[in-house]
Amino acid sequence: MTQAGDNLLLVIQNNSHVHLITELTMEPTDWNYYQRMNDNAYLELLELVTPLIQKKDTQFQTAISPHEECNATLRFLATGRNYKDLKFF
């Protein structure tokens, strides 16, 4: 990959919603508002669905984690926004 491509990948990774989720876990009321469920319920749900949604990395790309996939799905369902909006998530 070129240096510009590497830099773009770094920007995308650094601006990922995962950093937001990490910050939200520090404040329970913000987490509840964002996810529309408390952290214990989320962790229980994640534990149940992880075996069903876990993907493997390929030679071409790193797989999305179960945490990221579950989080994006819940956000989609909670907000009622369309699927196109998730690309900005």
N, C-alpha and C. Protein backbone atom coordinates (compact mmCIF):
# COMPACT_ATOMS: atom_id res chain seq x y z
N MET A 1 0.86 -1.18 0.00
CA MET A 1 0.00 0.00 0.00
C MET A 1 0.90 1.24 0.00
N THR A 2 0.43 2.29 -0.63
CA THR A 2 1.21 3.53 -0.69
C THR A 2 1.15 4.25 0.65
N GLN A 3 2.03 5.23 0.80
CA GLN A 3 2.04 6.00 2.05
C GLN A 3 0.72 6.75 2.23
N ALA A 4 0.16 7.29 1.14
CA ALA A 4 -1.13 7.99 1.22
C ALA A 4 -2.23 7.03 1.65
N GLY A 5 -2.19 5.81 1.12
CA GLY A 5 -3.17 4.80 1.50
C GLY A 5 -3.04 4.41 2.96
N ASP A 6 -1.80 4.28 3.42
CA ASP A 6 -1.55 3.96 4.82
C ASP A 6 -2.06 5.08 5.73
N ASN A 7 -1.83 6.33 5.32
CA ASN A 7 -2.28 7.47 6.10
C ASN A 7 -3.81 7.52 6.17
N LEU A 8 -4.46 7.24 5.05
CA LEU A 8 -5.92 7.24 5.02
C LEU A 8 -6.47 6.15 5.95
N LEU A 9 -5.86 4.99 5.91
CA LEU A 9 -6.29 3.90 6.79
C LEU A 9 -6.13 4.28 8.25
N LEU A 10 -5.05 4.95 8.59
CA LEU A 10 -4.84 5.41 9.97
C LEU A 10 -5.91 6.42 10.39
N VAL A 11 -6.25 7.34 9.50
CA VAL A 11 -7.29 8.33 9.80
C VAL A 11 -8.63 7.63 10.04
N ILE A 12 -8.96 6.68 9.20
CA ILE A 12 -10.23 5.95 9.34
C ILE A 12 -10.25 5.20 10.67
N GLN A 13 -9.16 4.52 11.00
CA GLN A 13 -9.11 3.76 12.25
C GLN A 13 -9.18 4.67 13.47
N ASN A 14 -8.52 5.82 13.41
CA ASN A 14 -8.50 6.73 14.55
C ASN A 14 -9.84 7.43 14.75
N ASN A 15 -10.62 7.57 13.69
CA ASN A 15 -11.91 8.23 13.79
C ASN A 15 -13.06 7.24 13.88
N SER A 16 -12.76 6.02 14.16
CA SER A 16 -13.77 4.98 14.26
C SER A 16 -14.70 5.24 15.44
N HIS A 17 -15.94 4.76 15.30
CA HIS A 17 -16.90 4.91 16.39
C HIS A 17 -16.50 4.10 17.62
N VAL A 18 -15.57 3.19 17.47
CA VAL A 18 -15.14 2.37 18.61
C VAL A 18 -14.54 3.26 19.70
N HIS A 19 -13.84 4.32 19.30
CA HIS A 19 -13.29 5.24 20.29
C HIS A 19 -14.42 5.95 21.04
N LEU A 20 -15.47 6.30 20.33
CA LEU A 20 -16.63 6.92 20.98
C LEU A 20 -17.25 5.96 21.98
N ILE A 21 -17.41 4.71 21.60
CA ILE A 21 -18.01 3.72 22.49
C ILE A 21 -17.16 3.55 23.74
N THR A 22 -15.84 3.55 23.58
CA THR A 22 -14.95 3.43 24.73
C THR A 22 -15.17 4.60 25.69
N GLU A 23 -15.30 5.79 25.15
CA GLU A 23 -15.55 6.96 25.99
C GLU A 23 -16.92 6.90 26.65
N LEU A 24 -17.92 6.39 25.93
CA LEU A 24 -19.26 6.30 26.49
C LEU A 24 -19.35 5.34 27.67
N THR A 25 -18.52 4.32 27.67
CA THR A 25 -18.56 3.35 28.78
C THR A 25 -18.11 3.98 30.09
N MET A 26 -17.44 5.11 30.01
CA MET A 26 -16.98 5.78 31.22
C MET A 26 -18.11 6.54 31.91
N GLU A 27 -19.18 6.81 31.18
CA GLU A 27 -20.32 7.55 31.74
C GLU A 27 -21.60 6.77 31.45
N PRO A 28 -22.12 6.02 32.44
CA PRO A 28 -23.27 5.15 32.22
C PRO A 28 -24.50 5.83 31.63
N THR A 29 -24.79 7.05 32.03
CA THR A 29 -25.99 7.70 31.50
C THR A 29 -25.84 8.00 30.01
N ASP A 30 -24.63 8.36 29.57
CA ASP A 30 -24.39 8.58 28.15
C ASP A 30 -24.50 7.28 27.37
N TRP A 31 -23.96 6.21 27.95
CA TRP A 31 -24.05 4.89 27.31
C TRP A 31 -25.51 4.49 27.14
N ASN A 32 -26.30 4.64 28.20
CA ASN A 32 -27.72 4.27 28.13
C ASN A 32 -28.46 5.08 27.07
N TYR A 33 -28.15 6.36 26.97
CA TYR A 33 -28.80 7.21 25.98
C TYR A 33 -28.39 6.80 24.57
N TYR A 34 -27.12 6.53 24.35
CA TYR A 34 -26.61 6.19 23.03
C TYR A 34 -27.09 4.83 22.56
N GLN A 35 -27.02 3.84 23.44
CA GLN A 35 -27.36 2.47 23.07
C GLN A 35 -28.82 2.11 23.34
N ARG A 36 -29.47 2.90 24.15
CA ARG A 36 -30.86 2.61 24.55
C ARG A 36 -30.95 1.32 25.37
N MET A 37 -29.85 0.97 26.02
CA MET A 37 -29.83 -0.16 26.95
C MET A 37 -28.64 0.01 27.88
N ASN A 38 -28.73 -0.59 29.07
CA ASN A 38 -27.60 -0.46 30.00
C ASN A 38 -26.46 -1.38 29.58
N ASP A 39 -25.28 -1.13 30.14
CA ASP A 39 -24.11 -1.88 29.71
C ASP A 39 -24.19 -3.36 30.04
N ASN A 40 -24.84 -3.73 31.14
CA ASN A 40 -24.98 -5.15 31.48
C ASN A 40 -25.83 -5.89 30.46
N ALA A 41 -26.91 -5.28 30.02
CA ALA A 41 -27.78 -5.89 29.01
C ALA A 41 -27.01 -6.02 27.69
N TYR A 42 -26.24 -4.98 27.34
CA TYR A 42 -25.46 -5.01 26.11
C TYR A 42 -24.43 -6.15 26.15
N LEU A 43 -23.71 -6.26 27.25
CA LEU A 43 -22.69 -7.31 27.36
C LEU A 43 -23.31 -8.70 27.32
N GLU A 44 -24.48 -8.86 27.91
CA GLU A 44 -25.17 -10.14 27.85
C GLU A 44 -25.59 -10.45 26.41
N LEU A 45 -26.15 -9.47 25.72
CA LEU A 45 -26.53 -9.65 24.33
C LEU A 45 -25.31 -9.97 23.47
N LEU A 46 -24.24 -9.23 23.67
CA LEU A 46 -23.01 -9.47 22.90
C LEU A 46 -22.49 -10.89 23.10
N GLU A 47 -22.55 -11.36 24.33
CA GLU A 47 -22.11 -12.73 24.62
C GLU A 47 -22.96 -13.76 23.88
N LEU A 48 -24.26 -13.49 23.78
CA LEU A 48 -25.16 -14.42 23.10
C LEU A 48 -24.96 -14.43 21.58
N VAL A 49 -24.73 -13.27 20.99
CA VAL A 49 -24.66 -13.20 19.53
C VAL A 49 -23.26 -13.38 18.96
N THR A 50 -22.23 -13.24 19.77
CA THR A 50 -20.85 -13.33 19.26
C THR A 50 -20.60 -14.60 18.46
N PRO A 51 -20.97 -15.79 18.93
CA PRO A 51 -20.71 -16.99 18.12
C PRO A 51 -21.43 -16.97 16.76
N LEU A 52 -22.51 -16.23 16.67
CA LEU A 52 -23.29 -16.19 15.44
C LEU A 52 -22.78 -15.15 14.43
N ILE A 53 -22.14 -14.10 14.92
CA ILE A 53 -21.75 -13.01 14.02
C ILE A 53 -20.24 -12.85 13.86
N GLN A 54 -19.46 -13.61 14.59
CA GLN A 54 -18.00 -13.46 14.53
C GLN A 54 -17.48 -13.90 13.17
N LYS A 55 -16.64 -13.06 12.60
CA LYS A 55 -16.06 -13.33 11.29
C LYS A 55 -14.55 -13.46 11.43
N LYS A 56 -13.93 -14.03 10.41
CA LYS A 56 -12.48 -14.20 10.43
C LYS A 56 -11.83 -13.19 9.49
N ASP A 57 -10.62 -12.78 9.85
CA ASP A 57 -9.84 -11.91 8.98
C ASP A 57 -9.50 -12.67 7.70
N THR A 58 -9.38 -11.94 6.61
CA THR A 58 -8.94 -12.52 5.36
C THR A 58 -7.60 -11.90 4.98
N GLN A 59 -7.07 -12.38 3.90
CA GLN A 59 -5.82 -11.84 3.39
C GLN A 59 -6.00 -10.38 2.96
N PHE A 60 -7.22 -10.01 2.62
CA PHE A 60 -7.47 -8.68 2.06
C PHE A 60 -7.99 -7.66 3.07
N GLN A 61 -8.63 -8.13 4.13
CA GLN A 61 -9.18 -7.16 5.07
C GLN A 61 -9.32 -7.75 6.47
N THR A 62 -9.33 -6.86 7.43
CA THR A 62 -9.55 -7.25 8.82
C THR A 62 -11.04 -7.29 9.07
N ALA A 63 -11.51 -8.35 9.68
CA ALA A 63 -12.94 -8.52 9.93
C ALA A 63 -13.42 -7.53 10.99
N ILE A 64 -14.66 -7.12 10.86
CA ILE A 64 -15.28 -6.27 11.87
C ILE A 64 -15.50 -7.12 13.13
N SER A 65 -15.25 -6.54 14.27
CA SER A 65 -15.38 -7.30 15.52
C SER A 65 -16.86 -7.48 15.86
N PRO A 66 -17.20 -8.51 16.63
CA PRO A 66 -18.59 -8.67 17.06
C PRO A 66 -19.09 -7.45 17.82
N HIS A 67 -18.22 -6.82 18.60
CA HIS A 67 -18.59 -5.61 19.33
C HIS A 67 -19.01 -4.51 18.37
N GLU A 68 -18.22 -4.29 17.32
CA GLU A 68 -18.54 -3.24 16.35
C GLU A 68 -19.82 -3.56 15.58
N GLU A 69 -19.96 -4.80 15.18
CA GLU A 69 -21.15 -5.19 14.41
C GLU A 69 -22.42 -5.09 15.25
N CYS A 70 -22.36 -5.56 16.47
CA CYS A 70 -23.51 -5.49 17.37
C CYS A 70 -23.86 -4.03 17.66
N ASN A 71 -22.85 -3.24 17.89
CA ASN A 71 -23.06 -1.84 18.19
C ASN A 71 -23.70 -1.11 17.02
N ALA A 72 -23.21 -1.34 15.81
CA ALA A 72 -23.78 -0.69 14.62
C ALA A 72 -25.22 -1.14 14.39
N THR A 73 -25.49 -2.42 14.60
CA THR A 73 -26.85 -2.94 14.42
C THR A 73 -27.81 -2.33 15.43
N LEU A 74 -27.39 -2.26 16.67
CA LEU A 74 -28.26 -1.67 17.70
C LEU A 74 -28.50 -0.20 17.43
N ARG A 75 -27.47 0.50 16.99
CA ARG A 75 -27.63 1.92 16.68
C ARG A 75 -28.60 2.11 15.52
N PHE A 76 -28.49 1.27 14.52
CA PHE A 76 -29.40 1.30 13.37
C PHE A 76 -30.84 1.07 13.81
N LEU A 77 -31.04 0.06 14.66
CA LEU A 77 -32.39 -0.25 15.13
C LEU A 77 -32.93 0.82 16.07
N ALA A 78 -32.08 1.40 16.89
CA ALA A 78 -32.51 2.40 17.87
C ALA A 78 -32.89 3.73 17.22
N THR A 79 -32.19 4.08 16.16
CA THR A 79 -32.42 5.40 15.56
C THR A 79 -33.45 5.37 14.45
N GLY A 80 -33.65 4.23 13.82
CA GLY A 80 -34.59 4.15 12.71
C GLY A 80 -34.05 4.80 11.44
N ARG A 81 -32.77 5.11 11.42
CA ARG A 81 -32.17 5.72 10.23
C ARG A 81 -31.97 4.67 9.16
N ASN A 82 -31.76 5.11 7.95
CA ASN A 82 -31.60 4.14 6.87
C ASN A 82 -30.19 3.56 6.84
N TYR A 83 -30.03 2.50 6.07
CA TYR A 83 -28.78 1.76 6.04
C TYR A 83 -27.63 2.61 5.50
N LYS A 84 -27.91 3.52 4.57
CA LYS A 84 -26.87 4.39 4.00
C LYS A 84 -26.22 5.25 5.09
N ASP A 85 -26.98 5.66 6.08
CA ASP A 85 -26.45 6.51 7.15
C ASP A 85 -25.39 5.81 7.99
N LEU A 86 -25.42 4.48 8.02
CA LEU A 86 -24.46 3.74 8.85
C LEU A 86 -23.02 3.90 8.36
N LYS A 87 -22.84 4.24 7.09
CA LYS A 87 -21.47 4.38 6.61
C LYS A 87 -20.76 5.56 7.27
N PHE A 88 -21.53 6.49 7.84
CA PHE A 88 -20.94 7.62 8.54
C PHE A 88 -20.79 7.34 10.03
N PHE A 89 -21.20 6.19 10.47
CA PHE A 89 -21.21 5.83 11.87
C PHE A 89 -19.84 5.45 12.34
